[in-house]
Amino acid sequence: MALNTLAGFSSISPTLRLVGRNYGPAAFPSIVTGLKVSWAFAWRTLIAAELVFGVSSGSGGLGWFMYERKNQLETASRLSFIPNSTLQQ
C-alpha cells in the first residue's frame, strides 16, 4: 500500500504539485489500488497462518476448514464461508 501511495504521489505532474489542494485527489487511484492489493495479501496470510496453526493445535481453524473443504470437493461450502466469516466479525 505504501509503495502504491508513493507511486501515485510521484506520478503527479509538476503543475498539480504546485496546486497543493489537488495533490491528494490526483493520487487517490493509486491509494485505492494499494488498499486492494494489501487486503488480498492480508487475507491470504490469514488463511496460511490459520492452516499452519490449526494443524499443529489439532482443533483446526479457518485455513484448516478451507483445506478440508477443498479435499472433499465442497466448493460451494468454501466459497460461502468467506463472506460469512467476514460478516461475523
N, C-alpha and C. Protein backbone atom coordinates (compact mmCIF):
# COMPACT_ATOMS: atom_id res chain seq x y z
N MET A 1 0.82 -1.18 0.00
CA MET A 1 0.00 0.00 0.00
C MET A 1 0.87 1.25 0.00
N ALA A 2 1.90 1.22 0.80
CA ALA A 2 2.78 2.39 0.88
C ALA A 2 3.49 2.64 -0.46
N LEU A 3 3.89 1.56 -1.13
CA LEU A 3 4.56 1.72 -2.42
C LEU A 3 3.62 2.29 -3.47
N ASN A 4 2.38 1.85 -3.49
CA ASN A 4 1.43 2.40 -4.45
C ASN A 4 1.09 3.84 -4.13
N THR A 5 1.02 4.18 -2.86
CA THR A 5 0.76 5.57 -2.48
C THR A 5 1.92 6.46 -2.93
N LEU A 6 3.14 6.00 -2.70
CA LEU A 6 4.32 6.74 -3.14
C LEU A 6 4.34 6.88 -4.66
N ALA A 7 4.01 5.80 -5.37
CA ALA A 7 3.97 5.86 -6.83
C ALA A 7 2.91 6.85 -7.32
N GLY A 8 1.79 6.88 -6.63
CA GLY A 8 0.73 7.82 -7.01
C GLY A 8 1.16 9.26 -6.82
N PHE A 9 1.80 9.55 -5.69
CA PHE A 9 2.26 10.91 -5.45
C PHE A 9 3.42 11.28 -6.37
N SER A 10 4.25 10.32 -6.73
CA SER A 10 5.38 10.60 -7.61
C SER A 10 4.95 10.82 -9.05
N SER A 11 3.83 10.23 -9.45
CA SER A 11 3.40 10.33 -10.85
C SER A 11 2.60 11.59 -11.16
N ILE A 12 2.39 12.43 -10.18
CA ILE A 12 1.62 13.66 -10.40
C ILE A 12 2.49 14.67 -11.14
N SER A 13 1.89 15.33 -12.10
CA SER A 13 2.63 16.30 -12.91
C SER A 13 3.07 17.48 -12.04
N PRO A 14 4.14 18.18 -12.46
CA PRO A 14 4.63 19.34 -11.69
C PRO A 14 3.58 20.44 -11.53
N THR A 15 2.70 20.56 -12.51
CA THR A 15 1.65 21.58 -12.41
C THR A 15 0.73 21.29 -11.23
N LEU A 16 0.35 20.03 -11.07
CA LEU A 16 -0.52 19.66 -9.96
C LEU A 16 0.21 19.74 -8.62
N ARG A 17 1.51 19.54 -8.64
CA ARG A 17 2.28 19.66 -7.39
C ARG A 17 2.26 21.09 -6.86
N LEU A 18 2.21 22.04 -7.77
CA LEU A 18 2.16 23.44 -7.35
C LEU A 18 0.82 23.78 -6.71
N VAL A 19 -0.19 23.05 -7.08
CA VAL A 19 -1.51 23.29 -6.52
C VAL A 19 -1.74 22.22 -5.45
N GLY A 20 -1.44 22.56 -4.22
CA GLY A 20 -1.45 21.59 -3.12
C GLY A 20 -2.82 20.97 -2.85
N ARG A 21 -3.88 21.66 -3.18
CA ARG A 21 -5.21 21.12 -2.91
C ARG A 21 -5.55 19.95 -3.83
N ASN A 22 -4.90 19.85 -4.96
CA ASN A 22 -5.17 18.76 -5.90
C ASN A 22 -4.24 17.57 -5.69
N TYR A 23 -3.34 17.69 -4.74
CA TYR A 23 -2.33 16.64 -4.54
C TYR A 23 -2.96 15.31 -4.14
N GLY A 24 -3.81 15.31 -3.13
CA GLY A 24 -4.43 14.07 -2.66
C GLY A 24 -5.35 13.41 -3.67
N PRO A 25 -6.32 14.16 -4.23
CA PRO A 25 -7.25 13.53 -5.17
C PRO A 25 -6.57 12.96 -6.42
N ALA A 26 -5.46 13.54 -6.84
CA ALA A 26 -4.79 13.02 -8.02
C ALA A 26 -4.12 11.68 -7.74
N ALA A 27 -3.74 11.43 -6.49
CA ALA A 27 -3.09 10.17 -6.12
C ALA A 27 -4.08 9.12 -5.64
N PHE A 28 -5.35 9.47 -5.54
CA PHE A 28 -6.36 8.58 -4.98
C PHE A 28 -6.45 7.22 -5.69
N PRO A 29 -6.40 7.14 -7.03
CA PRO A 29 -6.47 5.81 -7.67
C PRO A 29 -5.35 4.87 -7.24
N SER A 30 -4.16 5.38 -7.07
CA SER A 30 -3.05 4.53 -6.62
C SER A 30 -3.22 4.11 -5.18
N ILE A 31 -3.79 4.97 -4.35
CA ILE A 31 -4.03 4.62 -2.96
C ILE A 31 -5.06 3.50 -2.86
N VAL A 32 -6.12 3.60 -3.65
CA VAL A 32 -7.15 2.55 -3.65
C VAL A 32 -6.58 1.23 -4.16
N THR A 33 -5.74 1.28 -5.17
CA THR A 33 -5.10 0.07 -5.68
C THR A 33 -4.23 -0.57 -4.60
N GLY A 34 -3.50 0.25 -3.86
CA GLY A 34 -2.68 -0.27 -2.76
C GLY A 34 -3.52 -0.92 -1.68
N LEU A 35 -4.66 -0.33 -1.36
CA LEU A 35 -5.56 -0.93 -0.38
C LEU A 35 -6.08 -2.28 -0.85
N LYS A 36 -6.42 -2.37 -2.13
CA LYS A 36 -6.95 -3.62 -2.68
C LYS A 36 -5.89 -4.72 -2.65
N VAL A 37 -4.68 -4.39 -3.04
CA VAL A 37 -3.60 -5.38 -3.05
C VAL A 37 -3.24 -5.80 -1.62
N SER A 38 -3.18 -4.84 -0.70
CA SER A 38 -2.81 -5.18 0.68
C SER A 38 -3.90 -6.00 1.35
N TRP A 39 -5.17 -5.76 1.04
CA TRP A 39 -6.26 -6.55 1.61
C TRP A 39 -6.17 -8.00 1.13
N ALA A 40 -5.88 -8.19 -0.16
CA ALA A 40 -5.76 -9.55 -0.70
C ALA A 40 -4.58 -10.27 -0.06
N PHE A 41 -3.47 -9.59 0.13
CA PHE A 41 -2.30 -10.21 0.76
C PHE A 41 -2.58 -10.56 2.21
N ALA A 42 -3.27 -9.67 2.92
CA ALA A 42 -3.60 -9.94 4.32
C ALA A 42 -4.53 -11.14 4.45
N TRP A 43 -5.48 -11.26 3.53
CA TRP A 43 -6.42 -12.39 3.58
C TRP A 43 -5.68 -13.71 3.35
N ARG A 44 -4.78 -13.74 2.35
CA ARG A 44 -4.00 -14.96 2.08
C ARG A 44 -3.10 -15.30 3.26
N THR A 45 -2.52 -14.31 3.90
CA THR A 45 -1.68 -14.55 5.06
C THR A 45 -2.48 -15.12 6.21
N LEU A 46 -3.68 -14.61 6.42
CA LEU A 46 -4.56 -15.13 7.46
C LEU A 46 -4.90 -16.59 7.22
N ILE A 47 -5.25 -16.94 6.01
CA ILE A 47 -5.59 -18.32 5.67
C ILE A 47 -4.39 -19.23 5.91
N ALA A 48 -3.20 -18.80 5.48
CA ALA A 48 -2.00 -19.62 5.65
C ALA A 48 -1.66 -19.81 7.12
N ALA A 49 -1.76 -18.75 7.91
CA ALA A 49 -1.45 -18.86 9.34
C ALA A 49 -2.44 -19.76 10.05
N GLU A 50 -3.71 -19.64 9.72
CA GLU A 50 -4.72 -20.49 10.34
C GLU A 50 -4.53 -21.94 9.94
N LEU A 51 -4.09 -22.17 8.70
CA LEU A 51 -3.85 -23.54 8.24
C LEU A 51 -2.72 -24.17 9.04
N VAL A 52 -1.62 -23.44 9.19
CA VAL A 52 -0.46 -23.97 9.90
C VAL A 52 -0.78 -24.19 11.38
N PHE A 53 -1.34 -23.18 12.04
CA PHE A 53 -1.59 -23.31 13.47
C PHE A 53 -2.80 -24.19 13.77
N GLY A 54 -3.73 -24.29 12.83
CA GLY A 54 -4.87 -25.18 13.03
C GLY A 54 -4.45 -26.63 12.99
N VAL A 55 -3.50 -26.95 12.11
CA VAL A 55 -3.00 -28.32 12.02
C VAL A 55 -2.18 -28.67 13.25
N SER A 56 -1.35 -27.74 13.72
CA SER A 56 -0.49 -28.05 14.86
C SER A 56 -1.27 -28.15 16.17
N SER A 57 -2.36 -27.40 16.29
CA SER A 57 -3.12 -27.47 17.53
C SER A 57 -4.11 -28.63 17.53
N GLY A 58 -4.46 -29.12 16.36
CA GLY A 58 -5.38 -30.24 16.27
C GLY A 58 -6.83 -29.85 16.31
N SER A 59 -7.13 -28.58 16.62
CA SER A 59 -8.52 -28.16 16.70
C SER A 59 -9.02 -27.55 15.39
N GLY A 60 -8.11 -27.24 14.51
CA GLY A 60 -8.50 -26.65 13.24
C GLY A 60 -8.67 -25.15 13.34
N GLY A 61 -8.84 -24.55 12.21
CA GLY A 61 -9.04 -23.11 12.16
C GLY A 61 -9.62 -22.76 10.81
N LEU A 62 -9.55 -21.50 10.47
CA LEU A 62 -10.09 -21.02 9.21
C LEU A 62 -9.42 -21.70 8.02
N GLY A 63 -8.10 -21.73 8.02
CA GLY A 63 -7.37 -22.37 6.93
C GLY A 63 -7.62 -23.86 6.86
N TRP A 64 -7.73 -24.50 8.02
CA TRP A 64 -7.99 -25.94 8.05
C TRP A 64 -9.38 -26.24 7.49
N PHE A 65 -10.35 -25.41 7.82
CA PHE A 65 -11.69 -25.57 7.28
C PHE A 65 -11.66 -25.50 5.75
N MET A 66 -10.95 -24.50 5.22
CA MET A 66 -10.85 -24.34 3.77
C MET A 66 -10.12 -25.52 3.14
N TYR A 67 -9.07 -26.00 3.79
CA TYR A 67 -8.29 -27.12 3.27
C TYR A 67 -9.14 -28.40 3.23
N GLU A 68 -9.88 -28.65 4.29
CA GLU A 68 -10.73 -29.84 4.33
C GLU A 68 -11.83 -29.77 3.27
N ARG A 69 -12.42 -28.61 3.08
CA ARG A 69 -13.47 -28.47 2.08
C ARG A 69 -12.91 -28.66 0.67
N LYS A 70 -11.65 -28.26 0.46
CA LYS A 70 -11.02 -28.47 -0.84
C LYS A 70 -10.81 -29.96 -1.08
N ASN A 71 -10.36 -30.68 -0.07
CA ASN A 71 -10.14 -32.12 -0.22
C ASN A 71 -11.43 -32.89 -0.44
N GLN A 72 -12.52 -32.39 0.12
CA GLN A 72 -13.81 -33.07 -0.02
C GLN A 72 -14.59 -32.54 -1.23
N LEU A 73 -13.97 -31.66 -2.02
CA LEU A 73 -14.56 -31.07 -3.22
C LEU A 73 -15.89 -30.36 -2.94
N GLU A 74 -15.95 -29.68 -1.82
CA GLU A 74 -17.14 -28.90 -1.46
C GLU A 74 -16.89 -27.42 -1.77
N THR A 75 -16.91 -27.11 -3.05
CA THR A 75 -16.58 -25.76 -3.49
C THR A 75 -17.60 -24.74 -2.99
N ALA A 76 -18.86 -25.08 -3.03
CA ALA A 76 -19.90 -24.14 -2.58
C ALA A 76 -19.71 -23.79 -1.10
N SER A 77 -19.35 -24.77 -0.31
CA SER A 77 -19.12 -24.53 1.12
C SER A 77 -17.93 -23.60 1.33
N ARG A 78 -16.87 -23.80 0.54
CA ARG A 78 -15.69 -22.95 0.66
C ARG A 78 -16.00 -21.52 0.27
N LEU A 79 -16.71 -21.35 -0.83
CA LEU A 79 -16.99 -20.00 -1.32
C LEU A 79 -18.00 -19.27 -0.43
N SER A 80 -18.92 -19.99 0.17
CA SER A 80 -19.89 -19.33 1.04
C SER A 80 -19.30 -19.01 2.41
N PHE A 81 -18.22 -19.69 2.78
CA PHE A 81 -17.61 -19.45 4.09
C PHE A 81 -16.90 -18.11 4.15
N ILE A 82 -16.33 -17.65 3.04
CA ILE A 82 -15.55 -16.41 3.04
C ILE A 82 -16.41 -15.20 3.42
N PRO A 83 -17.56 -14.96 2.76
CA PRO A 83 -18.37 -13.80 3.19
C PRO A 83 -18.94 -13.98 4.59
N ASN A 84 -19.29 -15.22 4.95
CA ASN A 84 -19.84 -15.46 6.28
C ASN A 84 -18.83 -15.14 7.37
N SER A 85 -17.58 -15.49 7.14
CA SER A 85 -16.56 -15.23 8.16
C SER A 85 -16.28 -13.75 8.33
N THR A 86 -16.40 -12.98 7.25
CA THR A 86 -16.16 -11.55 7.38
C THR A 86 -17.36 -10.84 8.01
N LEU A 87 -18.56 -11.35 7.82
CA LEU A 87 -19.74 -10.71 8.40
C LEU A 87 -19.85 -10.96 9.89
N GLN A 88 -19.30 -12.05 10.39
CA GLN A 88 -19.43 -12.40 11.80
C GLN A 88 -18.47 -11.62 12.68
N GLN A 89 -17.52 -10.93 12.12
CA GLN A 89 -16.54 -10.20 12.93
C GLN A 89 -17.10 -8.92 13.29
